[in-house]
N, C-alpha and C. Protein backbone atom coordinates (compact mmCIF):
# COMPACT_ATOMS: atom_id res chain seq x y z
N MET A 1 48.38 102.80 169.46
CA MET A 1 49.70 103.43 170.14
C MET A 1 49.02 105.04 170.59
N ASN A 2 49.99 105.65 171.37
CA ASN A 2 49.97 106.86 172.11
C ASN A 2 50.94 107.74 171.41
N TYR A 3 50.42 108.55 170.38
CA TYR A 3 51.45 109.57 169.57
C TYR A 3 51.43 110.62 170.38
N GLU A 4 52.49 111.32 170.59
CA GLU A 4 52.77 112.79 170.87
C GLU A 4 53.56 113.63 170.31
N PHE A 5 52.76 114.49 169.78
CA PHE A 5 53.74 115.63 168.84
C PHE A 5 52.97 116.98 169.06
N ASP A 6 53.79 117.85 168.69
CA ASP A 6 52.89 119.48 168.76
C ASP A 6 52.65 119.47 167.47
N TYR A 7 51.27 119.85 167.21
CA TYR A 7 50.77 119.88 166.03
C TYR A 7 50.52 121.41 165.59
N LYS A 8 51.17 122.28 166.62
CA LYS A 8 51.18 123.92 166.26
C LYS A 8 52.37 124.33 165.99
N THR A 9 53.62 123.30 165.93
CA THR A 9 54.93 124.09 165.52
C THR A 9 54.91 123.70 164.22
N THR A 10 55.76 124.49 163.33
CA THR A 10 56.34 124.32 162.07
C THR A 10 57.47 123.36 162.11
N THR A 11 57.80 122.34 161.14
CA THR A 11 58.74 121.58 161.28
C THR A 11 59.39 121.61 159.78
N PRO A 12 60.78 121.07 159.63
CA PRO A 12 61.22 121.28 158.13
C PRO A 12 60.57 120.68 157.31
N LEU A 13 59.62 119.37 157.73
CA LEU A 13 58.64 118.75 156.60
C LEU A 13 57.71 119.60 156.19
N CYS A 14 57.14 120.27 157.15
CA CYS A 14 56.06 121.40 156.72
C CYS A 14 56.64 122.18 155.98
N GLU A 15 57.85 122.75 156.06
CA GLU A 15 58.11 123.77 155.09
C GLU A 15 58.30 123.06 153.72
N LEU A 16 58.80 121.69 153.65
CA LEU A 16 59.06 121.34 152.25
C LEU A 16 57.89 120.95 151.61
N MET A 17 56.97 120.33 152.02
CA MET A 17 55.19 120.11 151.72
C MET A 17 55.04 121.43 151.06
N GLY A 18 54.95 122.64 151.96
CA GLY A 18 54.33 123.93 151.70
C GLY A 18 55.22 124.49 150.25
N ASN A 19 56.36 124.10 150.37
CA ASN A 19 57.03 124.69 149.17
C ASN A 19 56.85 123.98 147.93
N ASN A 20 56.17 122.42 148.04
CA ASN A 20 56.19 121.88 146.93
C ASN A 20 54.58 122.19 146.63
N LYS A 21 53.88 122.69 147.44
CA LYS A 21 52.44 123.11 147.04
C LYS A 21 51.67 121.66 147.32
N SER A 22 52.29 121.03 148.54
CA SER A 22 51.33 119.87 148.95
C SER A 22 50.41 120.65 149.87
N ASP A 23 48.91 119.96 150.17
CA ASP A 23 48.47 120.57 151.41
C ASP A 23 48.47 119.63 152.73
N LYS A 24 49.54 118.90 152.63
CA LYS A 24 50.02 118.24 154.01
C LYS A 24 50.17 119.10 155.20
N GLY A 25 50.89 120.24 154.72
CA GLY A 25 51.50 120.98 155.66
C GLY A 25 52.09 122.30 155.10
N SER A 26 52.37 123.40 155.80
CA SER A 26 53.10 124.53 155.15
C SER A 26 54.02 125.19 156.29
N LYS A 27 54.76 126.20 155.90
CA LYS A 27 55.68 126.83 156.64
C LYS A 27 54.78 127.64 157.91
N ASP A 28 53.16 128.07 157.60
CA ASP A 28 52.31 128.50 158.25
C ASP A 28 51.65 127.67 158.79
N ILE A 29 51.83 126.78 159.76
CA ILE A 29 51.23 125.51 159.82
C ILE A 29 49.61 125.61 160.56
N MET A 30 49.55 127.02 161.40
CA MET A 30 48.22 126.87 161.77
C MET A 30 47.24 127.53 160.94
N THR A 31 47.56 127.89 159.67
CA THR A 31 46.67 128.14 158.76
C THR A 31 46.65 127.27 157.57
N SER A 32 47.65 126.41 157.74
CA SER A 32 47.27 125.21 156.40
C SER A 32 46.23 124.20 156.54
N TRP A 33 45.86 123.97 155.49
CA TRP A 33 44.48 122.97 155.22
C TRP A 33 44.84 121.83 156.14
N HIS A 34 46.09 121.31 156.18
CA HIS A 34 46.20 120.04 156.98
C HIS A 34 47.53 120.48 157.75
N ASN A 35 47.53 119.72 158.82
CA ASN A 35 49.06 119.82 159.60
C ASN A 35 49.68 118.54 159.78
N TYR A 36 49.22 117.70 158.84
CA TYR A 36 49.75 116.12 159.25
C TYR A 36 51.37 116.28 159.28
N THR A 37 52.13 117.51 158.44
CA THR A 37 53.48 117.07 158.45
C THR A 37 54.18 117.29 160.03
N THR A 38 53.15 117.90 160.87
CA THR A 38 53.67 117.88 162.35
C THR A 38 53.71 116.61 163.11
N PHE A 39 52.79 115.58 162.60
CA PHE A 39 52.99 114.24 162.90
C PHE A 39 53.84 113.43 162.39
N TYR A 40 53.70 113.46 160.88
CA TYR A 40 54.70 112.86 160.13
C TYR A 40 56.25 113.07 160.59
N TYR A 41 56.33 114.17 160.85
CA TYR A 41 57.93 114.51 161.15
C TYR A 41 58.08 113.92 162.31
N SER A 42 57.28 113.82 163.48
CA SER A 42 57.73 113.24 164.67
C SER A 42 57.72 111.52 164.42
N ILE A 43 57.10 111.10 163.65
CA ILE A 43 57.47 109.50 163.54
C ILE A 43 58.71 109.16 162.51
N PHE A 44 58.90 110.24 161.21
CA PHE A 44 59.67 109.85 160.27
C PHE A 44 61.26 110.71 160.54
N LYS A 45 61.51 111.67 161.29
CA LYS A 45 62.56 112.27 161.52
C LYS A 45 63.69 111.50 161.60
N ASP A 46 63.62 110.47 162.47
CA ASP A 46 64.76 109.65 162.74
C ASP A 46 65.06 108.51 161.70
N ARG A 47 64.10 108.54 160.75
CA ARG A 47 64.63 107.50 159.62
C ARG A 47 64.59 108.44 157.99
N GLN A 48 64.95 109.61 158.42
CA GLN A 48 65.03 110.63 157.25
C GLN A 48 66.26 110.16 156.31
N PHE A 49 67.10 109.73 156.86
CA PHE A 49 68.43 109.24 156.03
C PHE A 49 68.47 107.73 155.81
N ASP A 50 67.54 107.13 156.23
CA ASP A 50 67.64 105.60 155.80
C ASP A 50 67.24 105.25 154.40
N ASN A 51 67.41 104.03 153.90
CA ASN A 51 67.17 103.63 152.55
C ASN A 51 65.33 103.14 152.54
N LEU A 52 64.98 103.64 152.38
CA LEU A 52 63.50 103.29 152.48
C LEU A 52 62.46 103.01 151.29
N LEU A 53 61.59 102.29 151.19
CA LEU A 53 60.69 102.18 149.91
C LEU A 53 59.37 103.03 150.31
N ILE A 54 59.17 104.01 149.65
CA ILE A 54 57.83 104.52 150.08
C ILE A 54 56.75 105.06 148.85
N PHE A 55 55.59 104.59 149.37
CA PHE A 55 54.49 104.39 148.21
C PHE A 55 53.60 105.31 148.85
N GLU A 56 52.75 106.38 147.85
CA GLU A 56 51.72 106.97 148.17
C GLU A 56 50.85 106.85 147.12
N LEU A 57 49.64 106.60 147.35
CA LEU A 57 48.44 106.50 146.54
C LEU A 57 47.88 107.83 146.26
N GLY A 58 47.55 108.44 145.13
CA GLY A 58 47.05 109.78 144.96
C GLY A 58 48.18 110.66 144.67
N LEU A 59 48.13 111.32 143.76
CA LEU A 59 49.20 112.36 142.99
C LEU A 59 48.65 113.75 143.29
N GLY A 60 47.50 113.88 143.32
CA GLY A 60 46.79 115.24 143.64
C GLY A 60 46.48 115.70 142.07
N THR A 61 45.79 115.04 141.31
CA THR A 61 45.13 115.50 139.86
C THR A 61 44.70 116.83 139.96
N ASN A 62 44.84 117.72 139.06
CA ASN A 62 44.25 119.24 138.96
C ASN A 62 42.86 118.91 137.88
N ASN A 63 42.63 118.18 137.59
CA ASN A 63 41.41 117.64 136.93
C ASN A 63 39.96 117.78 137.64
N ILE A 64 39.40 118.78 137.77
CA ILE A 64 38.44 119.17 138.29
C ILE A 64 37.24 118.19 137.95
N ASN A 65 37.14 117.48 137.17
CA ASN A 65 36.13 116.01 136.78
C ASN A 65 36.39 115.11 137.55
N ILE A 66 37.59 114.84 138.42
CA ILE A 66 37.82 113.43 138.76
C ILE A 66 37.50 113.87 140.52
N PRO A 67 36.96 112.83 141.05
CA PRO A 67 36.76 113.25 142.67
C PRO A 67 38.12 113.16 143.33
N SER A 68 37.87 114.06 144.56
CA SER A 68 39.21 114.28 145.41
C SER A 68 40.16 114.93 144.65
N ASN A 69 39.95 115.92 143.50
CA ASN A 69 40.92 116.56 142.87
C ASN A 69 41.46 117.97 143.63
N MET A 70 42.74 118.24 143.32
CA MET A 70 43.33 119.39 143.94
C MET A 70 42.75 120.79 143.77
N GLY A 71 41.87 120.72 142.58
CA GLY A 71 41.44 122.26 141.91
C GLY A 71 42.58 122.46 140.42
N ILE A 72 42.15 123.37 139.76
CA ILE A 72 43.03 123.67 138.43
C ILE A 72 44.37 124.22 138.91
N ASP A 73 44.67 124.59 140.39
CA ASP A 73 46.12 125.28 140.52
C ASP A 73 46.83 124.17 141.32
N GLY A 74 46.13 122.89 141.53
CA GLY A 74 47.07 121.94 142.18
C GLY A 74 48.30 121.15 141.37
N ARG A 75 49.12 120.95 142.04
CA ARG A 75 50.57 120.44 141.48
C ARG A 75 50.42 119.19 141.59
N PRO A 76 50.17 118.23 140.52
CA PRO A 76 50.34 116.82 140.67
C PRO A 76 51.72 116.20 141.25
N GLY A 77 51.76 115.30 141.95
CA GLY A 77 52.83 114.71 142.45
C GLY A 77 53.60 115.71 143.68
N ALA A 78 53.11 116.64 144.06
CA ALA A 78 53.72 117.51 145.10
C ALA A 78 54.14 117.05 146.46
N SER A 79 53.31 116.11 146.89
CA SER A 79 53.83 115.52 148.20
C SER A 79 55.11 114.22 147.62
N LEU A 80 54.97 113.92 146.56
CA LEU A 80 56.06 112.88 146.07
C LEU A 80 57.32 113.72 146.07
N TYR A 81 57.24 114.77 145.51
CA TYR A 81 58.57 115.74 145.28
C TYR A 81 58.85 115.67 146.81
N ALA A 82 57.81 116.28 147.70
CA ALA A 82 58.26 116.53 149.25
C ALA A 82 59.38 115.57 149.72
N TRP A 83 58.47 114.30 149.71
CA TRP A 83 58.97 113.17 150.40
C TRP A 83 60.34 112.62 149.75
N SER A 84 60.66 113.08 148.55
CA SER A 84 61.95 112.71 147.66
C SER A 84 62.84 113.38 148.33
N GLU A 85 62.53 114.88 148.72
CA GLU A 85 63.86 115.70 149.27
C GLU A 85 63.94 115.49 150.77
N PHE A 86 63.07 114.98 151.67
CA PHE A 86 63.02 114.77 152.82
C PHE A 86 63.64 113.37 152.77
N PHE A 87 63.18 112.56 152.50
CA PHE A 87 64.06 111.07 152.37
C PHE A 87 64.88 110.91 151.52
N VAL A 88 66.12 111.22 151.67
CA VAL A 88 67.14 111.83 150.67
C VAL A 88 67.73 110.47 150.25
N ASN A 89 67.48 109.39 150.58
CA ASN A 89 68.01 108.39 150.34
C ASN A 89 67.43 107.00 149.90
N SER A 90 66.06 107.50 149.90
CA SER A 90 64.69 106.52 149.61
C SER A 90 64.22 106.67 148.11
N GLN A 91 63.65 105.69 147.56
CA GLN A 91 63.08 105.38 146.43
C GLN A 91 61.54 105.83 146.67
N ILE A 92 60.95 106.94 145.99
CA ILE A 92 59.56 107.04 146.09
C ILE A 92 58.62 106.65 145.10
N TYR A 93 57.48 105.91 145.28
CA TYR A 93 56.62 105.51 144.41
C TYR A 93 55.16 106.10 144.66
N GLY A 94 54.29 106.06 143.39
CA GLY A 94 52.96 106.64 143.59
C GLY A 94 52.08 106.35 142.54
N ALA A 95 50.75 106.29 142.90
CA ALA A 95 50.01 105.70 141.78
C ALA A 95 48.54 107.02 141.88
N ASP A 96 47.85 106.59 140.79
CA ASP A 96 46.65 107.74 140.56
C ASP A 96 45.72 107.05 139.36
N ILE A 97 44.46 107.52 139.55
CA ILE A 97 43.71 107.15 138.56
C ILE A 97 43.80 108.05 137.43
N ASP A 98 44.15 109.21 137.52
CA ASP A 98 44.43 110.14 136.15
C ASP A 98 45.55 109.82 135.36
N LYS A 99 45.53 108.94 134.59
CA LYS A 99 46.61 108.65 133.90
C LYS A 99 47.57 109.69 133.11
N LYS A 100 47.04 111.02 133.18
CA LYS A 100 47.50 112.02 132.38
C LYS A 100 48.46 112.77 133.26
N ILE A 101 48.90 112.72 134.39
CA ILE A 101 49.45 113.16 135.64
C ILE A 101 50.76 112.34 136.04
N LEU A 102 50.73 110.99 135.43
CA LEU A 102 51.72 110.09 135.86
C LEU A 102 53.08 110.70 135.06
N PHE A 103 54.12 110.34 136.06
CA PHE A 103 55.49 110.96 135.86
C PHE A 103 56.65 110.04 136.54
N SER A 104 57.76 110.28 135.91
CA SER A 104 58.97 109.51 136.74
C SER A 104 60.14 110.74 136.86
N THR A 105 61.28 110.31 137.76
CA THR A 105 62.27 111.40 137.87
C THR A 105 63.42 110.02 138.23
N ASP A 106 64.35 110.50 138.58
CA ASP A 106 65.24 109.70 138.95
C ASP A 106 64.97 108.76 140.48
N LYS A 107 64.20 109.41 141.24
CA LYS A 107 63.71 108.96 142.45
C LYS A 107 62.29 108.81 142.70
N ILE A 108 61.68 109.05 141.67
CA ILE A 108 60.23 108.75 141.74
C ILE A 108 59.63 108.07 140.53
N LYS A 109 58.68 107.21 140.78
CA LYS A 109 58.12 106.54 139.60
C LYS A 109 56.76 106.16 139.98
N THR A 110 55.69 106.54 139.02
CA THR A 110 54.28 106.55 139.40
C THR A 110 53.51 105.43 138.28
N TYR A 111 52.38 105.15 138.77
CA TYR A 111 51.78 104.00 138.11
C TYR A 111 49.95 104.29 138.03
N TYR A 112 49.48 103.61 137.22
CA TYR A 112 48.03 103.88 137.03
C TYR A 112 47.48 103.01 138.24
N CYS A 113 46.13 103.49 138.81
CA CYS A 113 45.64 102.69 139.86
C CYS A 113 44.16 103.35 140.04
N ASP A 114 43.21 102.22 140.08
CA ASP A 114 42.00 102.53 140.46
C ASP A 114 41.57 101.69 141.62
N GLN A 115 41.71 102.65 142.83
CA GLN A 115 41.69 102.25 144.12
C GLN A 115 40.13 101.30 144.42
N THR A 116 39.33 101.69 143.55
CA THR A 116 37.87 100.89 143.80
C THR A 116 37.92 99.56 143.26
N ASN A 117 38.82 98.92 142.87
CA ASN A 117 39.12 97.99 141.74
C ASN A 117 40.11 96.80 142.17
N PRO A 118 39.63 95.95 142.81
CA PRO A 118 40.61 94.97 143.62
C PRO A 118 41.51 94.44 142.26
N LYS A 119 40.98 94.19 141.11
CA LYS A 119 41.76 93.38 140.28
C LYS A 119 42.85 94.42 139.63
N ILE A 120 42.56 95.84 139.50
CA ILE A 120 43.45 96.87 139.32
C ILE A 120 44.60 96.90 140.10
N ILE A 121 44.23 96.97 141.32
CA ILE A 121 45.29 97.36 142.48
C ILE A 121 46.35 95.93 142.22
N LYS A 122 45.59 94.67 142.52
CA LYS A 122 46.55 93.53 142.37
C LYS A 122 47.67 93.72 140.99
N LYS A 123 46.84 94.11 139.65
CA LYS A 123 47.61 94.13 138.79
C LYS A 123 48.81 95.29 139.00
N MET A 124 48.30 96.45 139.75
CA MET A 124 49.41 97.35 139.99
C MET A 124 50.77 96.63 140.60
N TRP A 125 50.52 96.13 141.91
CA TRP A 125 51.31 95.33 142.57
C TRP A 125 52.25 94.33 141.83
N LYS A 126 51.78 93.88 140.63
CA LYS A 126 52.60 93.34 139.99
C LYS A 126 53.59 93.74 139.27
N ASN A 127 53.84 95.19 139.08
CA ASN A 127 54.79 95.79 138.55
C ASN A 127 56.16 95.20 138.83
N THR A 128 57.30 95.08 138.22
CA THR A 128 58.41 94.79 138.73
C THR A 128 59.00 95.48 140.01
N GLU A 129 58.97 96.77 139.66
CA GLU A 129 59.56 97.68 140.66
C GLU A 129 58.59 97.85 141.92
N LEU A 130 57.39 97.31 141.84
CA LEU A 130 56.70 97.30 143.01
C LEU A 130 56.55 96.09 143.86
N GLU A 131 57.33 95.31 143.33
CA GLU A 131 57.41 93.74 144.22
C GLU A 131 57.88 93.73 145.63
N PRO A 132 58.87 94.47 146.02
CA PRO A 132 59.32 94.45 147.33
C PRO A 132 58.25 95.19 148.12
N ASN A 133 58.23 94.87 149.76
CA ASN A 133 57.48 95.13 150.31
C ASN A 133 57.94 97.09 150.81
N PHE A 134 57.00 97.75 151.35
CA PHE A 134 57.44 99.12 151.60
C PHE A 134 57.21 99.44 153.12
N ASP A 135 58.10 100.49 153.11
CA ASP A 135 58.41 100.85 154.87
C ASP A 135 57.16 101.86 155.07
N ILE A 136 56.73 102.57 154.13
CA ILE A 136 55.76 103.70 154.32
C ILE A 136 54.65 103.30 153.04
N ILE A 137 53.68 103.30 153.53
CA ILE A 137 52.47 103.68 152.56
C ILE A 137 51.58 104.51 152.89
N ILE A 138 50.96 105.43 152.13
CA ILE A 138 50.40 106.56 152.36
C ILE A 138 49.19 106.64 151.33
N GLU A 139 47.77 106.53 151.85
CA GLU A 139 46.74 106.36 151.42
C GLU A 139 45.82 107.88 150.98
N ASP A 140 46.27 108.85 150.19
CA ASP A 140 45.66 109.79 149.81
C ASP A 140 45.00 110.10 148.45
N GLY A 141 44.27 108.97 148.28
CA GLY A 141 43.58 108.89 147.03
C GLY A 141 42.07 109.34 146.78
N LEU A 142 41.02 108.58 146.74
CA LEU A 142 39.59 108.92 146.75
C LEU A 142 39.10 108.67 148.31
N HIS A 143 38.86 109.66 148.75
CA HIS A 143 38.39 110.05 150.09
C HIS A 143 37.28 109.52 150.45
N THR A 144 36.87 108.13 150.35
CA THR A 144 35.79 107.50 150.90
C THR A 144 36.02 106.31 151.33
N PHE A 145 34.97 106.06 152.26
CA PHE A 145 34.78 104.81 153.32
C PHE A 145 35.15 103.51 152.48
N ASN A 146 34.67 103.11 151.57
CA ASN A 146 34.48 102.09 150.85
C ASN A 146 35.99 102.03 149.74
N ALA A 147 36.37 103.18 149.49
CA ALA A 147 37.56 103.14 148.56
C ALA A 147 38.57 102.85 149.57
N ASN A 148 38.79 103.48 150.49
CA ASN A 148 39.77 103.33 151.97
C ASN A 148 39.94 101.89 152.19
N ILE A 149 38.69 101.30 152.43
CA ILE A 149 38.83 99.89 152.75
C ILE A 149 39.26 99.09 151.75
N CYS A 150 38.79 99.13 150.32
CA CYS A 150 39.24 98.45 149.28
C CYS A 150 40.72 98.48 149.24
N PHE A 151 41.48 99.56 149.13
CA PHE A 151 42.71 99.79 148.90
C PHE A 151 43.66 99.05 150.12
N PHE A 152 43.15 99.27 151.39
CA PHE A 152 43.89 98.37 152.45
C PHE A 152 43.71 97.26 152.30
N GLU A 153 42.62 96.58 152.15
CA GLU A 153 42.61 95.10 152.31
C GLU A 153 43.49 94.60 151.32
N ASN A 154 43.65 95.37 149.83
CA ASN A 154 44.23 94.82 148.86
C ASN A 154 45.83 95.22 148.87
N SER A 155 46.24 95.83 149.81
CA SER A 155 47.69 96.35 149.94
C SER A 155 48.40 96.23 151.10
N ILE A 156 47.51 95.89 152.13
CA ILE A 156 48.12 95.89 153.59
C ILE A 156 49.51 94.60 153.46
N HIS A 157 49.32 93.73 152.70
CA HIS A 157 50.00 92.80 152.43
C HIS A 157 51.54 93.21 152.05
N LYS A 158 51.67 94.57 151.73
CA LYS A 158 53.10 95.11 151.20
C LYS A 158 53.50 96.07 152.06
N LEU A 159 53.17 95.64 153.53
CA LEU A 159 53.56 96.54 154.33
C LEU A 159 54.95 95.86 155.12
N ASN A 160 56.14 96.45 155.32
CA ASN A 160 57.06 95.83 155.99
C ASN A 160 56.97 95.85 157.32
N LYS A 161 57.58 95.19 158.17
CA LYS A 161 57.47 95.13 159.59
C LYS A 161 58.18 96.35 159.98
N PHE A 162 57.74 96.89 161.19
CA PHE A 162 58.09 98.37 161.64
C PHE A 162 57.66 99.43 160.60
N GLY A 163 56.63 99.14 159.69
CA GLY A 163 56.30 100.05 159.00
C GLY A 163 55.01 100.75 158.98
N TYR A 164 54.59 101.69 158.26
CA TYR A 164 53.40 102.61 158.58
C TYR A 164 52.59 102.57 157.55
N TYR A 165 51.23 102.68 157.60
CA TYR A 165 50.15 102.30 156.40
C TYR A 165 49.24 103.59 156.96
N ILE A 166 48.90 104.41 156.46
CA ILE A 166 48.25 105.67 156.88
C ILE A 166 47.47 106.21 155.90
N ILE A 167 46.14 106.66 156.31
CA ILE A 167 44.90 106.87 155.56
C ILE A 167 44.88 108.07 155.89
N GLU A 168 44.89 109.03 154.95
CA GLU A 168 44.64 110.63 155.43
C GLU A 168 43.16 111.13 154.64
N ASP A 169 42.94 112.33 155.53
CA ASP A 169 41.60 113.05 155.07
C ASP A 169 40.24 112.37 155.21
N ILE A 170 40.16 111.57 156.52
CA ILE A 170 39.06 110.87 156.89
C ILE A 170 38.00 112.10 157.82
N LYS A 171 36.99 112.16 157.18
CA LYS A 171 36.22 113.17 157.25
C LYS A 171 35.77 113.01 158.77
N ASN A 172 35.31 113.90 159.59
CA ASN A 172 34.86 114.09 161.14
C ASN A 172 33.50 112.90 161.04
N LYS A 173 32.48 113.14 160.17
CA LYS A 173 31.19 112.31 160.42
C LYS A 173 31.47 111.08 160.01
N SER A 174 32.68 110.67 159.45
CA SER A 174 32.97 109.31 158.87
C SER A 174 33.66 108.51 160.22
N CYS A 175 34.22 109.21 161.22
CA CYS A 175 34.92 108.75 162.14
C CYS A 175 34.35 107.33 163.06
N SER A 176 33.30 107.50 163.32
CA SER A 176 32.45 106.11 163.63
C SER A 176 32.52 104.89 162.62
N LEU A 177 32.44 104.92 161.66
CA LEU A 177 32.66 104.10 160.67
C LEU A 177 33.89 103.45 160.56
N TYR A 178 34.92 104.32 160.99
CA TYR A 178 36.38 103.73 160.84
C TYR A 178 36.44 102.66 162.14
N ASN A 179 35.83 103.67 163.32
CA ASN A 179 36.24 102.96 164.46
C ASN A 179 35.50 101.44 164.61
N LYS A 180 34.50 101.36 163.67
CA LYS A 180 34.11 99.94 163.82
C LYS A 180 34.66 99.29 162.85
N GLN A 181 35.28 99.57 161.77
CA GLN A 181 35.97 98.90 160.95
C GLN A 181 37.46 98.28 161.70
N ILE A 182 37.82 99.39 162.32
CA ILE A 182 39.09 99.04 163.23
C ILE A 182 38.91 97.66 164.27
N SER A 183 37.68 97.83 164.69
CA SER A 183 37.43 96.71 165.71
C SER A 183 37.51 95.53 164.88
N LYS A 184 37.01 95.46 163.95
CA LYS A 184 37.02 94.23 163.06
C LYS A 184 38.60 94.06 162.39
N TRP A 185 38.95 94.68 162.20
CA TRP A 185 40.81 94.60 161.57
C TRP A 185 41.62 94.02 162.53
N LYS A 186 41.38 94.56 163.68
CA LYS A 186 42.12 94.28 165.25
C LYS A 186 42.02 92.83 165.27
N LYS A 187 40.97 92.04 165.21
CA LYS A 187 41.03 90.63 164.93
C LYS A 187 41.40 89.87 163.73
N LYS A 188 41.28 90.52 162.69
CA LYS A 188 41.88 89.83 161.60
C LYS A 188 43.34 90.08 161.19
N TYR A 189 44.07 91.27 161.62
CA TYR A 189 45.47 91.67 161.37
C TYR A 189 45.99 91.73 163.03
N GLN A 190 46.34 90.76 163.37
CA GLN A 190 46.71 90.65 164.70
C GLN A 190 48.12 91.35 165.00
N ASP A 191 48.82 91.43 164.05
CA ASP A 191 50.22 91.97 164.07
C ASP A 191 50.30 93.52 163.67
N LEU A 192 49.29 94.28 163.72
CA LEU A 192 49.06 95.59 163.30
C LEU A 192 48.15 96.30 164.39
N GLU A 193 48.83 97.65 164.57
CA GLU A 193 48.14 98.29 165.50
C GLU A 193 47.67 99.47 165.01
N PHE A 194 46.17 99.94 165.22
CA PHE A 194 45.57 100.65 164.57
C PHE A 194 45.18 102.06 165.58
N THR A 195 45.61 103.39 165.19
CA THR A 195 45.13 104.59 165.60
C THR A 195 44.52 105.46 164.71
N LEU A 196 43.21 105.79 165.21
CA LEU A 196 42.33 106.78 164.68
C LEU A 196 43.04 108.16 165.25
N LEU A 197 43.65 108.82 164.55
CA LEU A 197 44.50 110.26 165.03
C LEU A 197 43.35 111.34 164.61
N GLN A 198 42.79 112.07 165.29
CA GLN A 198 42.19 113.34 165.16
C GLN A 198 42.78 114.61 165.71
N ILE A 199 43.64 115.08 164.53
CA ILE A 199 44.35 116.28 164.70
C ILE A 199 43.42 117.58 165.02
N PRO A 200 43.83 118.34 166.05
CA PRO A 200 43.10 119.77 166.18
C PRO A 200 43.67 120.43 165.18
N SER A 201 42.73 121.23 164.69
CA SER A 201 43.38 122.19 163.59
C SER A 201 42.33 123.56 163.71
N THR A 202 42.89 124.54 163.36
CA THR A 202 41.83 125.84 163.41
C THR A 202 41.26 126.34 162.10
N ALA A 203 42.08 125.68 160.97
CA ALA A 203 41.54 125.99 159.60
C ALA A 203 40.90 124.96 159.20
N ASN A 204 41.02 123.88 159.58
CA ASN A 204 40.19 122.40 158.90
C ASN A 204 39.49 121.68 160.10
N THR A 205 38.19 121.97 159.98
CA THR A 205 37.19 121.26 161.08
C THR A 205 36.42 120.01 160.49
N PHE A 206 37.05 119.62 159.22
CA PHE A 206 36.22 118.88 158.10
C PHE A 206 36.74 117.56 158.27
N ASP A 207 38.19 117.30 157.61
CA ASP A 207 38.52 116.12 157.58
C ASP A 207 40.20 115.94 158.01
N ASN A 208 40.47 116.66 158.94
CA ASN A 208 41.73 116.60 159.32
C ASN A 208 42.45 115.34 160.32
N ASN A 209 41.96 114.04 159.86
CA ASN A 209 41.92 113.03 160.59
C ASN A 209 42.83 111.95 160.04
N LEU A 210 43.78 111.34 160.28
CA LEU A 210 44.35 110.24 159.85
C LEU A 210 44.26 108.73 160.65
N LEU A 211 44.11 107.69 159.97
CA LEU A 211 44.28 106.38 160.35
C LEU A 211 45.50 106.03 160.25
N VAL A 212 46.35 105.78 161.29
CA VAL A 212 47.52 105.39 161.45
C VAL A 212 47.85 103.90 161.70
N VAL A 213 48.41 103.00 160.76
CA VAL A 213 48.29 101.56 161.00
C VAL A 213 50.14 101.28 161.14
N TYR A 214 50.33 100.84 162.33
CA TYR A 214 51.90 100.14 162.44
C TYR A 214 51.97 98.80 162.48
N LYS A 215 52.95 98.26 161.70
CA LYS A 215 53.16 96.54 161.56
C LYS A 215 54.32 96.47 162.62
N LYS A 216 53.81 95.93 163.86
CA LYS A 216 54.56 95.21 164.96
C LYS A 216 55.59 94.37 164.35
């Protein structure tokens, strides 16, 4: 798909993510580590008040001994809190490998998951509250190619029609790997559209890339 959006202009979602200490965006979008919120706002703003089911892998652990952590000052669940404020009528779910940061509120529920282990992924999806399919699935977990592939192939069946499955923080040096994988997936999943979105950023020239999957 051809996505058009203004990656330089702050949106209400940018401010929400920043206020909740997520690195997906902030009020000062051009200095934010990621400016994903400019893209997210462009595709989600018209569904902000819909009754959706949203799942995000990776809560943002502040345990520095766990790979892909947010550092000791990170706020676990930051983006989930922001999603719950933005999607006012939706239910938000999340999962993480760090059991110590799992939490629940009236709108948010979280679960344990090791995205490198297919058996654990399948076990997670068997939770009663996770049985329905989702309108949005965001993969912000362990940022490695093999981990991304593993979670996708064991979770893409959970995506509703007209839904989005998005893998965040793809490294520039890994884009060629993902392009090759996309070619394989296009043959296997003919009801899906794949777009590797490389978003310009002055703050981040390392991993400001998204793989956007849309179910037709």
